[in-house]
N, C-alpha and C. Protein backbone atom coordinates (compact mmCIF):
# COMPACT_ATOMS: atom_id res chain seq x y z
N MET A 1 83.43 141.75 111.96
CA MET A 1 83.37 141.84 113.19
C MET A 1 84.60 142.07 113.58
N LEU A 2 85.04 143.89 114.62
CA LEU A 2 86.33 144.08 114.53
C LEU A 2 86.19 144.15 116.77
N ASP A 3 87.15 144.46 116.94
CA ASP A 3 87.36 144.42 118.52
C ASP A 3 87.48 146.01 118.95
N ARG A 4 87.62 146.86 119.21
CA ARG A 4 88.16 147.85 120.12
C ARG A 4 89.31 148.93 118.79
N GLU A 5 90.90 147.62 118.75
CA GLU A 5 91.97 148.01 118.92
C GLU A 5 92.09 147.66 116.71
N GLY A 6 90.53 147.29 116.04
CA GLY A 6 90.33 147.03 114.79
C GLY A 6 90.81 145.08 114.64
N PHE A 7 91.46 144.65 115.40
CA PHE A 7 91.71 143.42 115.15
C PHE A 7 89.87 141.92 114.32
N ARG A 8 89.91 141.26 114.00
CA ARG A 8 89.16 141.12 113.80
C ARG A 8 89.24 139.23 114.74
N PRO A 9 88.53 138.95 115.19
CA PRO A 9 88.77 137.80 115.48
C PRO A 9 88.67 136.49 114.77
N ASN A 10 90.32 135.75 114.89
CA ASN A 10 90.35 134.46 113.53
C ASN A 10 90.38 132.95 114.78
N VAL A 11 90.83 132.18 113.58
CA VAL A 11 91.36 130.97 113.88
C VAL A 11 92.89 130.30 112.92
N GLY A 12 93.25 129.46 114.12
CA GLY A 12 94.50 129.40 112.41
C GLY A 12 94.48 127.67 113.23
N ILE A 13 94.41 126.64 111.96
CA ILE A 13 94.34 125.33 111.94
C ILE A 13 95.95 124.72 111.81
N ILE A 14 96.70 123.89 112.82
CA ILE A 14 97.84 123.22 112.10
C ILE A 14 97.06 121.65 112.61
N LEU A 15 96.99 121.30 111.67
CA LEU A 15 96.50 119.86 111.33
C LEU A 15 97.60 118.89 111.07
N LEU A 16 98.33 117.83 112.04
CA LEU A 16 99.00 116.30 112.09
C LEU A 16 98.72 115.12 111.65
N ASN A 17 99.44 114.70 110.32
CA ASN A 17 99.11 113.22 110.61
C ASN A 17 100.18 112.80 111.44
N GLN A 18 100.42 111.29 111.43
CA GLN A 18 99.97 110.24 112.06
C GLN A 18 102.07 110.44 113.04
N LYS A 19 102.49 111.02 111.52
CA LYS A 19 104.23 111.48 111.47
C LYS A 19 104.07 112.58 112.25
N ASN A 20 103.90 113.09 113.22
CA ASN A 20 104.03 114.90 113.32
C ASN A 20 104.27 115.69 111.70
N GLN A 21 103.81 115.58 110.94
CA GLN A 21 104.16 116.54 109.72
C GLN A 21 102.62 117.35 110.04
N VAL A 22 102.25 118.62 108.95
CA VAL A 22 101.87 119.04 109.20
C VAL A 22 101.16 119.64 107.47
N PHE A 23 99.80 119.89 107.67
CA PHE A 23 99.16 120.45 106.50
C PHE A 23 99.67 121.43 106.36
N TRP A 24 100.09 121.11 104.57
CA TRP A 24 100.59 123.24 104.05
C TRP A 24 99.39 123.14 102.71
N GLY A 25 99.11 124.45 102.72
CA GLY A 25 98.34 124.34 101.51
C GLY A 25 98.93 125.52 100.95
N LYS A 26 98.76 125.65 99.44
CA LYS A 26 98.99 126.40 98.54
C LYS A 26 98.67 127.36 98.43
N ARG A 27 97.75 128.88 98.88
CA ARG A 27 96.86 129.96 98.48
C ARG A 27 96.70 129.60 96.58
N ILE A 28 95.44 129.41 96.40
CA ILE A 28 94.42 129.31 94.61
C ILE A 28 95.39 130.89 94.72
N ARG A 29 96.22 130.20 93.45
CA ARG A 29 96.34 131.35 92.43
C ARG A 29 97.51 132.27 92.55
N THR A 30 98.40 131.62 93.67
CA THR A 30 99.73 132.35 94.13
C THR A 30 100.55 131.56 94.24
N HIS A 31 101.73 132.20 94.79
CA HIS A 31 102.67 130.75 95.14
C HIS A 31 103.59 131.35 96.70
N SER A 32 102.37 131.42 97.52
CA SER A 32 102.61 131.40 98.55
C SER A 32 101.48 130.39 100.09
N TRP A 33 102.54 130.05 100.54
CA TRP A 33 101.61 129.20 101.12
C TRP A 33 101.80 128.78 102.88
N GLN A 34 100.21 128.75 103.30
CA GLN A 34 100.04 128.53 104.59
C GLN A 34 98.69 128.02 105.13
N PHE A 35 98.92 127.74 106.52
CA PHE A 35 97.72 127.17 106.96
C PHE A 35 96.56 127.47 107.75
N PRO A 36 95.78 126.44 107.51
CA PRO A 36 93.89 127.07 107.51
C PRO A 36 93.99 127.62 107.53
N GLN A 37 93.11 128.94 107.81
CA GLN A 37 92.86 130.15 109.06
C GLN A 37 91.08 130.41 108.62
N GLY A 38 90.53 130.87 109.55
CA GLY A 38 89.83 132.50 109.21
C GLY A 38 88.42 133.05 109.68
N GLY A 39 88.00 132.91 109.93
CA GLY A 39 87.41 134.68 110.60
C GLY A 39 86.47 134.16 111.64
N ILE A 40 85.63 134.40 112.40
CA ILE A 40 85.42 133.73 113.41
C ILE A 40 84.28 134.77 113.67
N ASP A 41 83.02 134.14 113.18
CA ASP A 41 81.81 135.23 112.85
C ASP A 41 80.70 134.95 114.72
N ARG A 42 80.08 135.54 114.18
CA ARG A 42 79.04 136.72 115.15
C ARG A 42 78.01 134.86 115.63
N GLY A 43 78.50 135.26 117.07
CA GLY A 43 78.05 134.49 118.04
C GLY A 43 78.41 133.20 117.94
N GLU A 44 79.95 132.62 117.53
CA GLU A 44 80.99 132.01 117.25
C GLU A 44 81.60 131.53 118.37
N SER A 45 81.76 130.76 118.88
CA SER A 45 82.68 130.51 119.57
C SER A 45 84.24 130.06 118.82
N PRO A 46 85.46 130.19 119.17
CA PRO A 46 86.43 129.83 118.91
C PRO A 46 86.33 128.64 117.91
N GLU A 47 86.18 127.63 118.44
CA GLU A 47 86.31 126.40 118.65
C GLU A 47 85.17 125.99 117.60
N GLN A 48 83.26 126.02 117.53
CA GLN A 48 82.97 126.51 116.40
C GLN A 48 83.12 127.49 115.08
N ALA A 49 83.49 128.20 115.65
CA ALA A 49 84.46 129.10 114.16
C ALA A 49 85.87 127.94 113.35
N MET A 50 86.42 126.97 114.01
CA MET A 50 87.90 126.63 113.70
C MET A 50 87.02 124.77 113.07
N TYR A 51 85.97 124.18 113.63
CA TYR A 51 85.52 122.99 113.02
C TYR A 51 84.59 123.58 111.65
N ARG A 52 84.12 125.19 111.39
CA ARG A 52 83.46 125.14 110.74
C ARG A 52 84.26 125.13 108.94
N GLU A 53 85.70 126.73 110.04
CA GLU A 53 87.30 126.50 108.88
C GLU A 53 87.75 124.82 108.24
N LEU A 54 87.63 124.22 109.10
CA LEU A 54 88.15 122.62 109.24
C LEU A 54 87.26 122.22 107.80
N HIS A 55 85.99 121.90 107.61
CA HIS A 55 85.83 122.00 106.83
C HIS A 55 85.55 122.45 105.04
N GLU A 56 85.75 123.46 105.17
CA GLU A 56 85.02 124.91 103.92
C GLU A 56 86.69 124.57 103.41
N GLU A 57 87.69 124.44 104.14
CA GLU A 57 88.63 124.83 103.82
C GLU A 57 88.85 123.65 103.43
N VAL A 58 89.31 121.84 103.88
CA VAL A 58 89.60 121.16 103.94
C VAL A 58 89.09 120.12 103.65
N GLY A 59 87.81 119.98 104.24
CA GLY A 59 86.72 119.16 104.14
C GLY A 59 86.67 118.23 104.79
N LEU A 60 87.44 118.53 106.61
CA LEU A 60 87.30 117.63 107.51
C LEU A 60 86.04 117.46 108.12
N GLN A 61 85.83 116.82 108.75
CA GLN A 61 84.36 116.85 110.17
C GLN A 61 85.44 116.88 110.95
N PRO A 62 84.42 116.90 112.26
CA PRO A 62 85.03 116.80 113.48
C PRO A 62 85.67 116.00 113.89
N GLU A 63 85.15 115.06 113.34
CA GLU A 63 84.91 113.96 114.25
C GLU A 63 86.33 112.97 112.87
N HIS A 64 86.99 113.96 111.77
CA HIS A 64 88.12 113.30 111.41
C HIS A 64 89.76 113.67 112.44
N VAL A 65 88.88 114.37 112.83
CA VAL A 65 89.56 114.84 114.37
C VAL A 65 89.88 114.50 115.68
N ARG A 66 91.05 115.38 115.87
CA ARG A 66 91.14 115.59 118.04
C ARG A 66 91.41 116.95 118.31
N ILE A 67 91.13 117.08 119.22
CA ILE A 67 91.77 118.17 119.08
C ILE A 67 93.01 117.89 120.30
N VAL A 68 93.90 118.10 120.12
CA VAL A 68 95.46 118.61 120.64
C VAL A 68 95.76 119.40 121.80
N ALA A 69 95.82 120.65 121.35
CA ALA A 69 96.14 121.91 122.34
C ALA A 69 95.83 122.91 121.21
N ARG A 70 94.97 124.63 122.50
CA ARG A 70 95.08 125.87 121.36
C ARG A 70 96.08 126.43 122.48
N THR A 71 96.33 127.79 122.36
CA THR A 71 97.17 128.57 122.58
C THR A 71 96.41 129.39 123.18
N ARG A 72 96.98 129.81 124.41
CA ARG A 72 95.96 130.49 125.66
C ARG A 72 95.93 131.42 125.30
N ASP A 73 96.36 132.21 124.59
CA ASP A 73 95.88 133.68 124.61
C ASP A 73 95.88 134.18 122.60
N TRP A 74 95.34 135.56 122.56
CA TRP A 74 95.13 136.03 120.81
C TRP A 74 96.40 136.09 120.40
N LEU A 75 97.14 135.50 119.22
CA LEU A 75 98.13 135.82 118.82
C LEU A 75 97.91 136.97 117.42
N ARG A 76 98.31 138.09 118.19
CA ARG A 76 98.46 139.20 117.24
C ARG A 76 98.79 139.37 115.10
N TYR A 77 98.00 140.17 114.52
CA TYR A 77 99.11 140.76 113.48
C TYR A 77 98.24 141.55 112.28
N GLU A 78 99.06 142.50 112.00
CA GLU A 78 98.55 144.15 111.33
C GLU A 78 99.07 143.46 109.88
N VAL A 79 97.85 144.19 109.35
CA VAL A 79 97.52 143.64 107.74
C VAL A 79 98.02 145.19 107.51
N PRO A 80 99.23 145.11 106.45
CA PRO A 80 99.74 146.58 105.66
C PRO A 80 98.53 147.04 105.15
N ASP A 81 98.42 148.43 105.04
CA ASP A 81 97.64 149.05 104.39
C ASP A 81 97.14 148.71 102.94
N ARG A 82 98.42 148.47 102.49
CA ARG A 82 98.23 147.66 100.45
C ARG A 82 96.83 146.40 100.39
N PHE A 83 97.13 146.08 101.03
CA PHE A 83 96.18 144.38 101.68
C PHE A 83 94.93 144.91 102.06
N ILE A 84 94.82 145.86 102.61
CA ILE A 84 93.38 146.33 103.33
C ILE A 84 92.76 147.07 102.13
N ARG A 85 91.49 147.43 102.16
CA ARG A 85 90.23 147.76 101.00
C ARG A 85 90.19 149.23 101.72
N ARG A 86 89.74 150.21 100.96
CA ARG A 86 90.25 151.04 101.10
C ARG A 86 88.72 152.06 102.55
N ASP A 87 87.77 151.26 102.01
CA ASP A 87 86.81 151.26 102.37
C ASP A 87 86.81 150.99 104.43
N ALA A 88 87.48 149.84 104.55
CA ALA A 88 87.85 149.22 105.57
C ALA A 88 89.10 149.77 106.35
N ARG A 89 89.64 150.56 105.78
CA ARG A 89 91.76 151.58 106.33
C ARG A 89 91.18 153.02 107.16
N GLY A 90 92.05 152.84 108.22
CA GLY A 90 91.04 153.32 109.76
C GLY A 90 90.76 152.85 111.04
N HIS A 91 89.65 151.67 110.28
CA HIS A 91 88.99 151.42 110.71
C HIS A 91 89.78 149.56 111.32
N TYR A 92 90.41 148.73 110.32
CA TYR A 92 90.21 147.61 110.21
C TYR A 92 92.03 147.56 110.10
N LYS A 93 92.00 146.65 110.95
CA LYS A 93 94.19 147.11 111.56
C LYS A 93 94.48 145.34 110.64
N GLY A 94 94.06 144.37 111.46
CA GLY A 94 94.68 143.54 111.49
C GLY A 94 94.09 141.50 111.67
N GLN A 95 94.65 140.53 112.21
CA GLN A 95 94.03 139.81 113.35
C GLN A 95 93.60 139.40 114.53
N LYS A 96 93.10 138.61 115.60
CA LYS A 96 93.64 138.28 116.38
C LYS A 96 93.38 136.97 116.32
N GLN A 97 94.22 135.97 116.89
CA GLN A 97 93.88 134.68 116.23
C GLN A 97 94.01 133.75 117.21
N ILE A 98 93.54 132.62 117.56
CA ILE A 98 92.78 131.76 118.98
C ILE A 98 94.07 130.37 117.18
N TRP A 99 95.04 129.95 118.27
CA TRP A 99 95.07 128.51 116.91
C TRP A 99 95.09 126.99 118.19
N TYR A 100 94.84 126.44 117.17
CA TYR A 100 94.55 125.11 117.12
C TYR A 100 94.96 124.11 116.15
N LEU A 101 96.20 123.15 117.54
CA LEU A 101 96.58 121.83 117.37
C LEU A 101 95.72 121.22 116.85
N LEU A 102 96.05 120.06 115.44
CA LEU A 102 94.24 118.82 115.81
C LEU A 102 95.23 117.73 115.02
N GLN A 103 94.90 117.01 115.02
CA GLN A 103 96.08 115.66 114.80
C GLN A 103 94.70 114.86 113.75
N LEU A 104 94.91 114.55 112.61
CA LEU A 104 94.16 113.61 111.65
C LEU A 104 94.70 112.14 111.67
N MET A 105 92.73 112.08 112.07
CA MET A 105 92.27 110.94 112.92
C MET A 105 91.79 109.73 111.77
N THR A 106 90.99 109.97 110.68
CA THR A 106 91.72 109.30 109.44
C THR A 106 92.64 109.82 107.58
N HIS A 107 92.35 109.09 106.86
CA HIS A 107 92.77 108.47 106.33
C HIS A 107 93.34 109.85 105.66
N ASP A 108 93.98 110.22 104.96
CA ASP A 108 94.63 111.52 104.06
C ASP A 108 93.63 111.73 102.93
N TRP A 109 93.04 110.84 102.33
CA TRP A 109 92.54 111.06 101.16
C TRP A 109 90.80 111.08 101.57
N GLN A 110 90.82 111.99 102.84
CA GLN A 110 89.29 112.34 103.14
C GLN A 110 89.44 114.33 103.21
N LEU A 111 90.92 114.56 102.94
CA LEU A 111 90.81 115.75 102.27
C LEU A 111 90.54 116.46 101.02
N ASN A 112 89.41 117.47 101.55
CA ASN A 112 88.62 117.45 99.51
C ASN A 112 88.81 119.63 99.72
N LEU A 113 89.93 119.68 99.57
CA LEU A 113 89.67 121.29 99.23
C LEU A 113 88.64 122.17 97.94
N ARG A 114 86.99 121.21 98.14
CA ARG A 114 86.79 121.45 96.87
C ARG A 114 85.37 121.45 97.65
N ALA A 115 85.05 121.63 99.07
CA ALA A 115 84.14 121.58 99.73
C ALA A 115 83.62 122.35 99.40
N THR A 116 83.23 123.46 99.00
CA THR A 116 82.88 124.32 98.80
C THR A 116 82.75 125.16 98.12
N SER A 117 82.73 125.88 97.25
CA SER A 117 82.48 126.41 96.57
C SER A 117 83.44 128.56 96.13
N HIS A 118 83.92 128.42 97.09
CA HIS A 118 85.22 129.31 97.16
C HIS A 118 85.88 128.27 98.31
N PRO A 119 86.65 127.85 96.78
CA PRO A 119 88.26 127.25 97.37
C PRO A 119 88.97 127.76 97.92
N GLU A 120 90.14 128.13 99.13
CA GLU A 120 90.57 128.99 99.48
C GLU A 120 92.12 128.26 99.04
N PHE A 121 92.65 126.92 98.85
CA PHE A 121 93.74 126.49 98.67
C PHE A 121 93.64 125.53 97.17
N ASP A 122 94.79 125.52 95.85
CA ASP A 122 94.78 124.89 95.29
C ASP A 122 95.45 123.31 94.50
N ALA A 123 96.20 123.55 96.29
CA ALA A 123 97.25 121.95 95.90
C ALA A 123 97.52 122.27 97.22
N TRP A 124 98.39 121.55 97.99
CA TRP A 124 98.74 120.49 99.57
C TRP A 124 98.94 119.93 99.85
N ARG A 125 100.39 119.78 100.45
CA ARG A 125 101.19 118.24 100.58
C ARG A 125 101.32 118.43 102.62
N TRP A 126 102.14 116.93 102.82
CA TRP A 126 103.00 117.98 104.59
C TRP A 126 103.67 117.67 104.58
N ASN A 127 104.28 118.57 105.22
CA ASN A 127 106.20 119.15 105.55
C ASN A 127 105.95 119.08 106.83
N ASP A 128 107.59 119.36 106.90
CA ASP A 128 108.04 118.78 108.38
C ASP A 128 106.86 120.05 109.64
N TYR A 129 107.55 119.75 110.80
CA TYR A 129 106.73 120.49 111.60
C TYR A 129 106.51 121.61 111.54
N TRP A 130 107.96 122.68 111.55
CA TRP A 130 108.77 124.41 110.85
C TRP A 130 109.19 124.29 109.96
N VAL A 131 107.61 124.28 109.39
CA VAL A 131 107.74 124.92 107.86
C VAL A 131 107.96 126.18 107.23
N PRO A 132 109.12 125.71 106.36
CA PRO A 132 109.61 126.78 105.86
C PRO A 132 108.42 128.57 105.71
N LEU A 133 109.20 128.98 107.04
CA LEU A 133 108.72 130.06 106.67
C LEU A 133 108.88 131.63 105.95
N ASP A 134 109.55 131.97 104.66
CA ASP A 134 109.53 132.71 103.59
C ASP A 134 108.84 131.44 102.80
N VAL A 135 108.27 130.88 102.33
CA VAL A 135 106.73 131.14 101.74
C VAL A 135 105.62 131.44 101.83
N VAL A 136 105.77 132.11 103.47
CA VAL A 136 104.78 132.58 103.89
C VAL A 136 104.26 133.99 103.30
N VAL A 137 103.65 134.25 103.45
CA VAL A 137 103.13 135.58 103.71
C VAL A 137 104.29 136.44 105.06
N GLU A 138 104.62 138.00 104.12
CA GLU A 138 105.81 138.25 105.32
C GLU A 138 105.24 138.40 106.82
N PHE A 139 104.19 139.05 106.68
CA PHE A 139 103.31 139.49 107.14
C PHE A 139 102.24 139.10 108.67
N LYS A 140 102.39 137.03 108.25
CA LYS A 140 102.04 136.79 109.97
C LYS A 140 103.12 135.70 110.34
N ARG A 141 104.30 136.41 109.63
CA ARG A 141 105.40 135.21 109.71
C ARG A 141 105.47 134.97 111.24
N GLY A 142 105.65 136.56 112.26
CA GLY A 142 105.65 136.12 113.39
C GLY A 142 104.57 135.35 114.17
N VAL A 143 103.42 135.45 113.59
CA VAL A 143 102.47 134.65 114.31
C VAL A 143 102.40 133.00 114.44
N TYR A 144 103.28 132.65 112.96
CA TYR A 144 103.09 131.57 112.71
C TYR A 144 104.00 130.88 113.30
N GLU A 145 105.40 131.68 114.10
CA GLU A 145 106.49 131.35 115.09
C GLU A 145 106.14 131.00 115.68
N MET A 146 105.62 132.33 116.28
CA MET A 146 104.63 132.29 118.34
C MET A 146 103.72 131.42 118.09
N ALA A 147 102.86 130.24 117.23
CA ALA A 147 102.04 129.49 116.98
C ALA A 147 102.12 127.96 117.59
N LEU A 148 103.81 128.67 116.47
CA LEU A 148 104.27 127.12 116.08
C LEU A 148 105.59 126.77 117.98
N THR A 149 105.47 127.60 117.77
CA THR A 149 106.39 127.88 119.36
C THR A 149 106.42 127.09 120.44
N GLU A 150 104.66 127.86 120.67
CA GLU A 150 103.61 128.07 121.59
C GLU A 150 103.45 126.38 121.63
N LEU A 151 103.03 125.87 120.62
CA LEU A 151 102.11 124.39 120.61
C LEU A 151 103.25 122.93 120.54
N ALA A 152 104.47 123.38 119.82
CA ALA A 152 104.82 122.08 120.13
C ALA A 152 105.71 121.54 120.57
N ARG A 153 105.56 121.73 122.42
CA ARG A 153 105.31 120.71 122.85
C ARG A 153 103.94 119.85 123.37
N TYR A 154 103.31 120.37 122.19
CA TYR A 154 102.10 118.99 122.67
C TYR A 154 102.32 118.54 121.79
N LEU A 155 103.25 118.09 121.15
CA LEU A 155 103.00 117.01 120.04
C LEU A 155 103.28 115.98 120.10
N PRO A 156 102.12 114.74 119.65
CA PRO A 156 102.02 113.54 120.10
C PRO A 156 103.71 113.08 119.95
N ARG A 157 104.20 112.03 121.04
CA ARG A 157 104.66 111.30 121.09
C ARG A 157 105.36 109.89 120.26
N GLN A 158 105.86 110.65 119.54
CA GLN A 158 106.32 109.34 118.58
C GLN A 158 106.62 107.47 118.79
N GLU A 159 106.47 106.13 118.29
CA GLU A 159 107.07 105.68 119.25
C GLU A 159 107.56 104.43 118.24
N HIS A 160 108.74 104.80 118.65
CA HIS A 160 110.13 103.91 117.57
C HIS A 160 110.40 102.30 118.52
N ARG A 161 110.16 101.46 117.58
CA ARG A 161 110.36 99.99 117.63
C ARG A 161 111.60 99.72 117.12
N ASN A 162 112.49 98.86 118.45
CA ASN A 162 114.09 98.54 117.76
C ASN A 162 113.40 97.67 116.77
N ARG A 163 114.26 97.27 116.06
CA ARG A 163 113.94 97.02 114.25
C ARG A 163 114.25 95.76 114.83
N TYR A 164 114.93 95.10 116.04
CA TYR A 164 115.12 93.54 115.96
C TYR A 164 114.16 93.18 116.60
N LEU A 165 113.21 93.70 117.06
CA LEU A 165 112.24 93.10 117.67
C LEU A 165 110.97 93.66 117.32
N ARG A 166 110.73 93.46 115.69
CA ARG A 166 109.54 94.46 114.73
C ARG A 166 108.71 92.34 115.33
N GLY A 167 107.75 92.36 114.29
CA GLY A 167 106.32 91.35 114.69
C GLY A 167 106.77 90.43 115.75
N GLY A 168 106.52 90.87 116.83
CA GLY A 168 105.91 90.80 118.68
C GLY A 168 107.24 90.00 118.73
N MET A 169 108.37 90.18 118.48
CA MET A 169 109.46 88.96 119.05
C MET A 169 109.66 89.86 119.87
N ARG A 170 109.24 88.77 122.02
CA ARG A 170 109.68 89.18 123.25
C ARG A 170 110.52 88.51 124.06
N ALA A 171 111.43 88.51 125.09
CA ALA A 171 112.78 88.14 125.22
C ALA A 171 112.06 86.86 126.33
N ARG A 172 112.10 85.97 126.09
CA ARG A 172 112.50 85.15 127.05
C ARG A 172 111.85 84.43 128.50
N GLU A 173 110.70 83.95 128.68
CA GLU A 173 109.92 85.08 130.16
C GLU A 173 110.87 84.43 131.04
N GLY A 174 111.02 84.88 132.17
CA GLY A 174 112.76 85.21 133.13
C GLY A 174 114.08 85.61 132.61
N GLY A 175 114.29 85.83 130.90
CA GLY A 175 115.64 86.30 130.11
C GLY A 175 115.94 88.23 129.85
N GLU A 176 116.14 88.44 129.40
CA GLU A 176 116.52 89.15 129.66
C GLU A 176 117.14 89.85 127.63
N ILE A 177 116.47 90.76 127.17
CA ILE A 177 116.56 91.11 125.82
C ILE A 177 118.09 92.11 125.53
N PRO A 178 119.38 91.23 124.75
CA PRO A 178 120.19 91.60 124.84
C PRO A 178 120.91 92.78 124.67
N PRO A 179 121.97 92.92 124.61
CA PRO A 179 122.56 94.70 124.39
C PRO A 179 122.19 94.93 122.70
N ILE A 180 122.48 96.34 122.20
CA ILE A 180 121.95 97.03 120.92
C ILE A 180 122.89 96.02 120.42
N HIS A 181 124.52 96.19 120.86
CA HIS A 181 126.05 95.53 119.93
C HIS A 181 126.44 94.18 119.64
N THR A 182 125.42 93.40 121.02
CA THR A 182 124.96 92.06 121.42
C THR A 182 124.19 91.69 119.71
N GLN A 183 122.39 92.42 119.32
CA GLN A 183 122.63 92.12 118.60
C GLN A 183 122.96 92.26 117.61
N GLU A 184 123.12 93.79 117.30
CA GLU A 184 124.42 93.71 115.39
C GLU A 184 125.32 92.94 115.21
N ARG A 185 126.14 92.55 115.96
CA ARG A 185 126.34 91.44 115.70
C ARG A 185 126.36 90.15 115.53
N HIS A 186 124.69 89.62 116.08
CA HIS A 186 124.60 88.55 115.36
C HIS A 186 123.56 88.01 114.30
N ALA A 187 123.21 89.81 113.80
CA ALA A 187 122.41 90.16 112.74
C ALA A 187 123.38 89.94 111.49
N ARG A 188 125.11 90.01 112.11
CA ARG A 188 125.85 90.13 110.92
C ARG A 188 126.29 88.60 110.17
N ALA A 189 126.60 88.40 111.85
CA ALA A 189 126.96 87.21 111.37
C ALA A 189 125.75 86.44 110.80
N ASP A 190 124.60 86.16 110.55
CA ASP A 190 123.94 85.39 110.73
C ASP A 190 123.44 86.16 108.62
N HIS A 191 123.85 87.10 107.75
CA HIS A 191 123.57 88.22 106.77
C HIS A 191 124.93 87.21 106.29
N ARG A 192 126.39 86.63 106.59
CA ARG A 192 127.06 86.29 105.89
C ARG A 192 126.96 84.90 105.54
N ARG A 193 125.91 84.13 106.74
CA ARG A 193 125.66 83.08 106.21
C ARG A 193 124.51 82.55 105.48
N SER A 194 124.36 83.98 105.34
CA SER A 194 123.34 84.16 104.19
C SER A 194 123.50 84.27 102.63
N GLN A 195 124.70 84.96 102.71
CA GLN A 195 125.01 85.41 101.59
C GLN A 195 125.64 83.66 101.37
N GLN A 196 126.92 82.95 101.95
CA GLN A 196 127.57 82.46 101.99
C GLN A 196 126.66 81.01 100.70
N ALA A 197 125.26 80.74 101.92
CA ALA A 197 124.62 79.64 101.41
C ALA A 197 123.59 80.44 100.35
N ALA A 198 123.77 82.26 99.49
CA ALA A 198 123.48 82.38 98.12
C ALA A 198 124.11 81.46 97.38
N ALA A 199 125.59 82.81 97.45
CA ALA A 199 126.85 81.29 96.60
C ALA A 199 126.74 79.92 96.84
N VAL A 200 126.52 79.86 97.48
CA VAL A 200 126.26 78.10 96.52
C VAL A 200 125.51 77.79 96.19
N ALA A 201 123.89 78.46 96.21
CA ALA A 201 123.11 77.62 94.96
C ALA A 201 122.52 78.19 94.33
N LEU A 202 123.74 79.80 94.25
CA LEU A 202 123.72 80.25 92.52
C LEU A 202 124.85 79.41 91.92
N SER A 203 124.48 79.04 90.59
CA SER A 203 125.36 77.93 89.34
C SER A 203 126.25 78.90 88.99
N PRO A 204 127.78 78.97 88.50
CA PRO A 204 129.24 79.90 88.50
C PRO A 204 128.81 81.17 87.43
N ASP A 205 127.69 80.51 86.42
CA ASP A 205 127.09 81.62 85.16
C ASP A 205 125.88 82.82 85.75
N ALA A 206 126.11 82.61 87.35
CA ALA A 206 124.28 83.29 86.72
C ALA A 206 125.00 84.78 87.76
N THR A 207 123.83 85.20 87.91
CA THR A 207 124.61 86.55 88.42
C THR A 207 123.86 87.15 89.13
N GLN A 208 123.56 88.04 90.36
CA GLN A 208 123.13 88.45 91.69
C GLN A 208 123.00 89.85 91.70
N GLU A 209 121.86 90.18 90.76
CA GLU A 209 121.46 91.14 91.37
C GLU A 209 121.00 92.18 92.72
N ALA A 210 121.28 92.91 92.61
CA ALA A 210 120.43 93.49 94.51
C ALA A 210 118.99 94.26 94.07
N MET A 211 118.06 94.08 95.08
CA MET A 211 116.84 94.63 95.34
C MET A 211 116.37 95.99 94.70
N PRO A 212 115.63 95.40 94.33
CA PRO A 212 115.88 97.19 94.40
C PRO A 212 114.83 97.99 94.75
N ARG A 213 115.64 99.78 95.01
CA ARG A 213 114.72 100.60 96.05
C ARG A 213 113.37 100.91 95.74
N THR A 214 112.42 101.27 96.88
CA THR A 214 111.13 101.83 96.14
C THR A 214 111.51 103.65 96.90
N HIS A 215 111.16 104.66 96.78
CA HIS A 215 111.23 105.59 97.03
C HIS A 215 109.19 106.33 97.33
N ARG A 216 109.08 106.48 98.70
CA ARG A 216 107.86 106.88 98.88
C ARG A 216 107.41 108.66 99.08
N GLY A 217 106.39 108.48 97.26
CA GLY A 217 106.23 109.96 96.91
C GLY A 217 105.62 111.35 97.63
N SER A 218 106.16 112.54 97.89
CA SER A 218 104.98 113.49 98.52
C SER A 218 103.83 112.93 98.32
N ARG A 219 102.23 113.83 98.82
CA ARG A 219 101.26 113.34 98.46
C ARG A 219 101.19 115.04 98.43
N GLU A 220 101.10 115.62 96.88
CA GLU A 220 99.96 116.70 96.68
C GLU A 220 99.21 116.59 96.09
N ASP A 221 97.76 117.70 96.25
CA ASP A 221 96.85 117.08 95.41
C ASP A 221 96.08 118.83 95.29
N ALA A 222 95.98 118.39 93.82
CA ALA A 222 95.06 119.71 93.01
C ALA A 222 93.59 119.92 93.43
């Protein structure tokens, strides 16, 4: 289904996790990465097509996501002749897309690249919002930049708790929370006292080992 100018209606999907990282999929049997996308079938609305593609490409259902925003107008890109089937050349020019910004409302183990018998991706990972466009096929990069730029203003705000107020600690009724520099000074003093107490508890020939640091790896499914 093409419009008069030879562009096929299409939807693109930017899927966020709770850290505002985006789903980044590796196209099957290639070294290029991209967002989920797909054509709008005859009789479908862009939103209906988006939910269908969401399930076909990453295995999610409508209840697994929340629509945060969408682009106001169509964003277009032209496809070079070498990527167009010979029988379509002269008619097909490229894609015009409505882009959706979605937030994942479930665990990422719900993602399934094999939801259909024709998978689009063979690996995925969470990536920072401003994805590296040099790994995107060249003729799509302009549209990616436009979509990311337009939708960035709708990114959900991240909550940052003060590390000295964790565990539900609150200021006493009628009191004020001390300034950050005062809290840090108290924390350093507490740390020195705990070190001194630990030194007293250790026997003369004992050694004190540092707590091992843990590293959280990035998720990538094949």
